[in-house]
């Protein structure tokens, strides 16, 4: 179990490029770039707790995550989080369904992972926009905000599932946000040069 503390920001494509350049200038450690498909499940007691189950597929690798809202302060979110890898995705989907949880959102995301000091910075592109998340302690997040010049940026309080419901398409009662097939990556993505 971990307690996740993060802040999320909405970015323009130009601002996303500027932040990437600033991370390079600051000699942040670029870790990887991935293409994800996320499956969000809700229902039952999870709804009462403000919790969700997410299956995240990255190529042949899948992670099951349980997140439960703890509190939100100063534009940050704190959530209880449990994660484990899943070897049989289809079986896990059936287990989730048989437990009474329903699939509510499916969204695709291109994500770039960076480490800057003691925080993780991720730059995300979804079909409905660009975003950044900074994860760490509140003090370390504030230091990173200053280094990256983020004080004027619009914070995004909603999670990607809620944004998918707002900006995606409803298909058979499930909110979906997927890239057009011609834009989905076909091969591993390149690493930015420092």
C-alpha atoms as a PDB file:
ATOM      1  CA  UNK A   1       0.000   0.000   0.000  1.00  0.00           C
ATOM      2  CA  UNK A   2       1.124   3.517  -0.771  1.00  0.00           C
ATOM      3  CA  UNK A   3      -0.344   6.952  -0.303  1.00  0.00           C
ATOM      4  CA  UNK A   4      -0.207   8.755  -3.630  1.00  0.00           C
ATOM      5  CA  UNK A   5       0.043  12.560  -3.555  1.00  0.00           C
ATOM      6  CA  UNK A   6      -0.118  14.361  -6.877  1.00  0.00           C
ATOM      7  CA  UNK A   7      -1.147  17.531  -8.680  1.00  0.00           C
ATOM      8  CA  UNK A   8      -2.530  17.544 -12.208  1.00  0.00           C
ATOM      9  CA  UNK A   9      -2.403  20.396 -14.715  1.00  0.00           C
ATOM     10  CA  UNK A  10      -4.141  21.024 -18.036  1.00  0.00           C
ATOM     11  CA  UNK A  11      -1.678  22.044 -20.785  1.00  0.00           C
ATOM     12  CA  UNK A  12      -1.819  23.372 -24.308  1.00  0.00           C
ATOM     13  CA  UNK A  13       0.294  21.383 -26.801  1.00  0.00           C
ATOM     14  CA  UNK A  14       2.732  24.331 -26.939  1.00  0.00           C
ATOM     15  CA  UNK A  15       3.004  24.467 -23.126  1.00  0.00           C
ATOM     16  CA  UNK A  16       3.630  20.709 -23.044  1.00  0.00           C
ATOM     17  CA  UNK A  17       6.571  21.218 -25.441  1.00  0.00           C
ATOM     18  CA  UNK A  18       7.885  24.105 -23.303  1.00  0.00           C
ATOM     19  CA  UNK A  19       7.770  21.949 -20.163  1.00  0.00           C
ATOM     20  CA  UNK A  20       9.575  19.125 -21.987  1.00  0.00           C
ATOM     21  CA  UNK A  21      12.316  21.588 -22.970  1.00  0.00           C
ATOM     22  CA  UNK A  22      12.495  22.889 -19.388  1.00  0.00           C
ATOM     23  CA  UNK A  23      12.839  19.325 -18.039  1.00  0.00           C
ATOM     24  CA  UNK A  24      15.736  18.786 -20.451  1.00  0.00           C
ATOM     25  CA  UNK A  25      17.353  22.089 -19.357  1.00  0.00           C
ATOM     26  CA  UNK A  26      17.027  21.013 -15.709  1.00  0.00           C
ATOM     27  CA  UNK A  27      18.682  17.690 -16.587  1.00  0.00           C
ATOM     28  CA  UNK A  28      15.639  15.747 -15.412  1.00  0.00           C
ATOM     29  CA  UNK A  29      15.966  12.008 -15.922  1.00  0.00           C
ATOM     30  CA  UNK A  30      13.768  10.825 -18.803  1.00  0.00           C
ATOM     31  CA  UNK A  31      12.618   7.278 -17.964  1.00  0.00           C
ATOM     32  CA  UNK A  32      10.297   6.067 -20.715  1.00  0.00           C
ATOM     33  CA  UNK A  33       7.396   6.764 -23.028  1.00  0.00           C
ATOM     34  CA  UNK A  34       4.459   4.362 -23.227  1.00  0.00           C
ATOM     35  CA  UNK A  35       1.067   3.932 -24.858  1.00  0.00           C
ATOM     36  CA  UNK A  36      -1.610   2.828 -22.388  1.00  0.00           C
ATOM     37  CA  UNK A  37      -5.169   1.586 -22.541  1.00  0.00           C
ATOM     38  CA  UNK A  38      -6.991   2.096 -19.229  1.00  0.00           C
ATOM     39  CA  UNK A  39     -10.176   0.303 -18.153  1.00  0.00           C
ATOM     40  CA  UNK A  40     -11.950   1.933 -15.187  1.00  0.00           C
ATOM     41  CA  UNK A  41     -14.427  -0.058 -13.061  1.00  0.00           C
ATOM     42  CA  UNK A  42     -16.883   1.239 -10.436  1.00  0.00           C
ATOM     43  CA  UNK A  43     -19.799   0.047  -8.384  1.00  0.00           C
ATOM     44  CA  UNK A  44     -20.952  -1.260  -5.021  1.00  0.00           C
ATOM     45  CA  UNK A  45     -18.978  -0.307  -1.936  1.00  0.00           C
ATOM     46  CA  UNK A  46     -16.280   1.292  -4.076  1.00  0.00           C
ATOM     47  CA  UNK A  47     -18.697   4.083  -5.009  1.00  0.00           C
ATOM     48  CA  UNK A  48     -19.436   4.711  -1.322  1.00  0.00           C
ATOM     49  CA  UNK A  49     -15.689   4.986  -0.584  1.00  0.00           C
ATOM     50  CA  UNK A  50     -14.821   7.132  -3.606  1.00  0.00           C
ATOM     51  CA  UNK A  51     -12.751   4.219  -4.929  1.00  0.00           C
ATOM     52  CA  UNK A  52     -12.086   2.686  -8.334  1.00  0.00           C
ATOM     53  CA  UNK A  53     -10.464  -0.351  -9.918  1.00  0.00           C
ATOM     54  CA  UNK A  54      -8.331   0.213 -12.997  1.00  0.00           C
ATOM     55  CA  UNK A  55      -6.762  -2.244 -15.402  1.00  0.00           C
ATOM     56  CA  UNK A  56      -3.922  -0.535 -17.277  1.00  0.00           C
ATOM     57  CA  UNK A  57      -2.522  -2.298 -20.340  1.00  0.00           C
ATOM     58  CA  UNK A  58       0.886  -1.288 -21.656  1.00  0.00           C
ATOM     59  CA  UNK A  59       1.778  -3.637 -24.479  1.00  0.00           C
ATOM     60  CA  UNK A  60       1.823  -7.159 -23.009  1.00  0.00           C
ATOM     61  CA  UNK A  61       2.053  -5.852 -19.431  1.00  0.00           C
ATOM     62  CA  UNK A  62      -1.084  -5.209 -17.328  1.00  0.00           C
ATOM     63  CA  UNK A  63      -1.460  -3.699 -13.867  1.00  0.00           C
ATOM     64  CA  UNK A  64      -4.541  -3.830 -11.629  1.00  0.00           C
ATOM     65  CA  UNK A  65      -4.846  -0.757  -9.387  1.00  0.00           C
ATOM     66  CA  UNK A  66      -7.250  -0.017  -6.537  1.00  0.00           C
ATOM     67  CA  UNK A  67      -7.450   3.691  -5.641  1.00  0.00           C
ATOM     68  CA  UNK A  68      -9.428   5.230  -2.801  1.00  0.00           C
ATOM     69  CA  UNK A  69      -9.727   8.970  -2.259  1.00  0.00           C
ATOM     70  CA  UNK A  70      -8.319  10.190   1.052  1.00  0.00           C
ATOM     71  CA  UNK A  71      -8.383  13.967   0.725  1.00  0.00           C
ATOM     72  CA  UNK A  72      -7.698  16.872  -1.576  1.00  0.00           C
ATOM     73  CA  UNK A  73      -5.815  19.959  -0.406  1.00  0.00           C
ATOM     74  CA  UNK A  74      -4.048  22.858  -2.116  1.00  0.00           C
ATOM     75  CA  UNK A  75      -4.894  21.472  -5.552  1.00  0.00           C
ATOM     76  CA  UNK A  76      -3.332  18.115  -4.728  1.00  0.00           C
ATOM     77  CA  UNK A  77      -4.993  14.720  -4.487  1.00  0.00           C
ATOM     78  CA  UNK A  78      -4.163  12.059  -1.953  1.00  0.00           C
ATOM     79  CA  UNK A  79      -5.287   8.492  -2.534  1.00  0.00           C
ATOM     80  CA  UNK A  80      -4.708   5.105  -1.012  1.00  0.00           C
ATOM     81  CA  UNK A  81      -3.280   2.891  -3.744  1.00  0.00           C
ATOM     82  CA  UNK A  82      -2.677  -0.843  -4.164  1.00  0.00           C
ATOM     83  CA  UNK A  83      -1.190  -2.241  -7.384  1.00  0.00           C
ATOM     84  CA  UNK A  84      -0.307  -5.663  -8.706  1.00  0.00           C
ATOM     85  CA  UNK A  85       0.606  -7.092 -12.081  1.00  0.00           C
ATOM     86  CA  UNK A  86      -1.937  -9.315 -13.822  1.00  0.00           C
ATOM     87  CA  UNK A  87      -0.933 -12.249 -16.008  1.00  0.00           C
ATOM     88  CA  UNK A  88      -4.374 -13.186 -17.362  1.00  0.00           C
ATOM     89  CA  UNK A  89      -6.253 -10.025 -18.293  1.00  0.00           C
ATOM     90  CA  UNK A  90      -9.375 -11.796 -19.538  1.00  0.00           C
ATOM     91  CA  UNK A  91      -9.681 -13.782 -16.290  1.00  0.00           C
ATOM     92  CA  UNK A  92      -9.179 -10.585 -14.259  1.00  0.00           C
ATOM     93  CA  UNK A  93     -11.939  -8.844 -16.237  1.00  0.00           C
ATOM     94  CA  UNK A  94     -14.289 -11.769 -15.478  1.00  0.00           C
ATOM     95  CA  UNK A  95     -13.375 -11.656 -11.769  1.00  0.00           C
ATOM     96  CA  UNK A  96     -14.081  -7.908 -11.624  1.00  0.00           C
ATOM     97  CA  UNK A  97     -17.401  -8.404 -13.420  1.00  0.00           C
ATOM     98  CA  UNK A  98     -18.441 -11.324 -11.175  1.00  0.00           C
ATOM     99  CA  UNK A  99     -17.677  -9.211  -8.095  1.00  0.00           C
ATOM    100  CA  UNK A 100     -20.376  -6.835  -9.320  1.00  0.00           C
ATOM    101  CA  UNK A 101     -18.254  -3.986 -10.630  1.00  0.00           C
ATOM    102  CA  UNK A 102     -19.012  -2.424 -13.975  1.00  0.00           C
ATOM    103  CA  UNK A 103     -16.771  -1.017 -16.675  1.00  0.00           C
ATOM    104  CA  UNK A 104     -17.459   2.730 -16.811  1.00  0.00           C
ATOM    105  CA  UNK A 105     -14.645   4.222 -18.891  1.00  0.00           C
ATOM    106  CA  UNK A 106     -11.974   3.206 -21.395  1.00  0.00           C
ATOM    107  CA  UNK A 107      -9.317   5.745 -22.327  1.00  0.00           C
ATOM    108  CA  UNK A 108      -6.040   5.710 -24.205  1.00  0.00           C
ATOM    109  CA  UNK A 109      -3.037   7.744 -23.205  1.00  0.00           C
ATOM    110  CA  UNK A 110       0.481   8.500 -24.407  1.00  0.00           C
ATOM    111  CA  UNK A 111       2.619   9.056 -21.315  1.00  0.00           C
ATOM    112  CA  UNK A 112       6.213  10.303 -20.846  1.00  0.00           C
ATOM    113  CA  UNK A 113       7.842   9.639 -17.459  1.00  0.00           C
ATOM    114  CA  UNK A 114      10.490  11.976 -16.012  1.00  0.00           C
ATOM    115  CA  UNK A 115      12.205  12.194 -12.622  1.00  0.00           C
ATOM    116  CA  UNK A 116      13.085  15.660 -11.372  1.00  0.00           C
ATOM    117  CA  UNK A 117      14.715  15.710  -7.966  1.00  0.00           C
ATOM    118  CA  UNK A 118      12.400  13.785  -5.646  1.00  0.00           C
ATOM    119  CA  UNK A 119       9.268  13.895  -7.811  1.00  0.00           C
ATOM    120  CA  UNK A 120       7.929  12.018 -10.794  1.00  0.00           C
ATOM    121  CA  UNK A 121       6.674  14.216 -13.613  1.00  0.00           C
ATOM    122  CA  UNK A 122       4.486  12.673 -16.295  1.00  0.00           C
ATOM    123  CA  UNK A 123       3.373  14.369 -19.480  1.00  0.00           C
ATOM    124  CA  UNK A 124       0.183  12.855 -20.870  1.00  0.00           C
ATOM    125  CA  UNK A 125      -1.568  13.167 -24.191  1.00  0.00           C
ATOM    126  CA  UNK A 126      -5.148  11.917 -24.361  1.00  0.00           C
ATOM    127  CA  UNK A 127      -7.598  12.219 -27.244  1.00  0.00           C
ATOM    128  CA  UNK A 128      -9.131  15.241 -25.487  1.00  0.00           C
ATOM    129  CA  UNK A 129      -5.997  17.134 -24.467  1.00  0.00           C
ATOM    130  CA  UNK A 130      -2.576  17.415 -22.857  1.00  0.00           C
ATOM    131  CA  UNK A 131      -1.943  17.142 -19.131  1.00  0.00           C
ATOM    132  CA  UNK A 132       0.878  16.886 -16.621  1.00  0.00           C
ATOM    133  CA  UNK A 133       0.979  15.203 -13.225  1.00  0.00           C
ATOM    134  CA  UNK A 134       3.604  15.707 -10.537  1.00  0.00           C
ATOM    135  CA  UNK A 135       3.791  13.062  -7.821  1.00  0.00           C
ATOM    136  CA  UNK A 136       5.756  13.296  -4.574  1.00  0.00           C
ATOM    137  CA  UNK A 137       5.422  14.997  -1.205  1.00  0.00           C
ATOM    138  CA  UNK A 138       3.600  18.342  -1.124  1.00  0.00           C
ATOM    139  CA  UNK A 139       6.863  20.180  -0.379  1.00  0.00           C
ATOM    140  CA  UNK A 140       8.689  18.484  -3.248  1.00  0.00           C
ATOM    141  CA  UNK A 141       5.764  19.089  -5.634  1.00  0.00           C
ATOM    142  CA  UNK A 142       5.866  22.817  -4.770  1.00  0.00           C
ATOM    143  CA  UNK A 143       9.640  22.912  -5.435  1.00  0.00           C
ATOM    144  CA  UNK A 144       9.091  21.254  -8.819  1.00  0.00           C
ATOM    145  CA  UNK A 145       6.293  23.720  -9.639  1.00  0.00           C
ATOM    146  CA  UNK A 146       8.693  26.606  -9.017  1.00  0.00           C
ATOM    147  CA  UNK A 147      11.513  25.030 -11.059  1.00  0.00           C
ATOM    148  CA  UNK A 148       9.165  24.346 -13.963  1.00  0.00           C
ATOM    149  CA  UNK A 149       7.466  27.768 -13.798  1.00  0.00           C
ATOM    150  CA  UNK A 150       4.013  26.289 -13.212  1.00  0.00           C
ATOM    151  CA  UNK A 151       2.532  28.751 -10.780  1.00  0.00           C
ATOM    152  CA  UNK A 152       0.175  30.220 -13.405  1.00  0.00           C
ATOM    153  CA  UNK A 153      -0.975  26.876 -14.837  1.00  0.00           C
ATOM    154  CA  UNK A 154      -4.553  25.706 -14.559  1.00  0.00           C
ATOM    155  CA  UNK A 155      -4.836  22.770 -12.160  1.00  0.00           C
ATOM    156  CA  UNK A 156      -7.146  19.964 -13.229  1.00  0.00           C
ATOM    157  CA  UNK A 157      -9.074  18.495 -10.282  1.00  0.00           C
ATOM    158  CA  UNK A 158     -10.816  15.756 -12.299  1.00  0.00           C
ATOM    159  CA  UNK A 159      -9.312  12.357 -13.004  1.00  0.00           C
ATOM    160  CA  UNK A 160      -9.055  10.916 -16.503  1.00  0.00           C
ATOM    161  CA  UNK A 161     -12.152   8.713 -16.069  1.00  0.00           C
ATOM    162  CA  UNK A 162     -14.314  11.784 -15.330  1.00  0.00           C
ATOM    163  CA  UNK A 163     -12.713  13.703 -18.191  1.00  0.00           C
ATOM    164  CA  UNK A 164     -13.406  10.721 -20.456  1.00  0.00           C
ATOM    165  CA  UNK A 165     -17.062  10.799 -19.431  1.00  0.00           C
ATOM    166  CA  UNK A 166     -17.191  14.540 -20.210  1.00  0.00           C
ATOM    167  CA  UNK A 167     -15.188  14.612 -23.471  1.00  0.00           C
ATOM    168  CA  UNK A 168     -15.352  11.048 -24.785  1.00  0.00           C
ATOM    169  CA  UNK A 169     -18.110   9.152 -26.562  1.00  0.00           C
ATOM    170  CA  UNK A 170     -20.700   6.987 -24.823  1.00  0.00           C
ATOM    171  CA  UNK A 171     -20.765   3.531 -26.402  1.00  0.00           C
ATOM    172  CA  UNK A 172     -23.164   1.004 -24.867  1.00  0.00           C
ATOM    173  CA  UNK A 173     -23.102   2.908 -21.566  1.00  0.00           C
ATOM    174  CA  UNK A 174     -19.285   3.066 -21.390  1.00  0.00           C
ATOM    175  CA  UNK A 175     -17.389   6.344 -21.859  1.00  0.00           C
ATOM    176  CA  UNK A 176     -14.562   5.951 -24.380  1.00  0.00           C
ATOM    177  CA  UNK A 177     -11.715   8.224 -25.432  1.00  0.00           C
ATOM    178  CA  UNK A 178      -9.508   6.599 -28.052  1.00  0.00           C
ATOM    179  CA  UNK A 179      -7.064   7.993 -30.579  1.00  0.00           C
ATOM    180  CA  UNK A 180      -7.867   7.595 -34.227  1.00  0.00           C
ATOM    181  CA  UNK A 181      -6.229   4.351 -35.297  1.00  0.00           C
ATOM    182  CA  UNK A 182      -3.920   6.083 -37.770  1.00  0.00           C
ATOM    183  CA  UNK A 183      -2.336   8.059 -34.866  1.00  0.00           C
ATOM    184  CA  UNK A 184      -1.851   5.195 -32.398  1.00  0.00           C
ATOM    185  CA  UNK A 185       1.837   4.246 -32.120  1.00  0.00           C
ATOM    186  CA  UNK A 186       2.876   1.154 -34.037  1.00  0.00           C
ATOM    187  CA  UNK A 187       6.422   0.843 -32.670  1.00  0.00           C
ATOM    188  CA  UNK A 188       8.301   1.824 -29.502  1.00  0.00           C
ATOM    189  CA  UNK A 189       8.659   5.555 -29.180  1.00  0.00           C
ATOM    190  CA  UNK A 190      11.972   7.389 -29.175  1.00  0.00           C
ATOM    191  CA  UNK A 191      13.659   8.878 -26.139  1.00  0.00           C
ATOM    192  CA  UNK A 192      14.168  12.681 -26.128  1.00  0.00           C
ATOM    193  CA  UNK A 193      17.789  13.736 -26.225  1.00  0.00           C
ATOM    194  CA  UNK A 194      19.208  15.900 -23.489  1.00  0.00           C
END
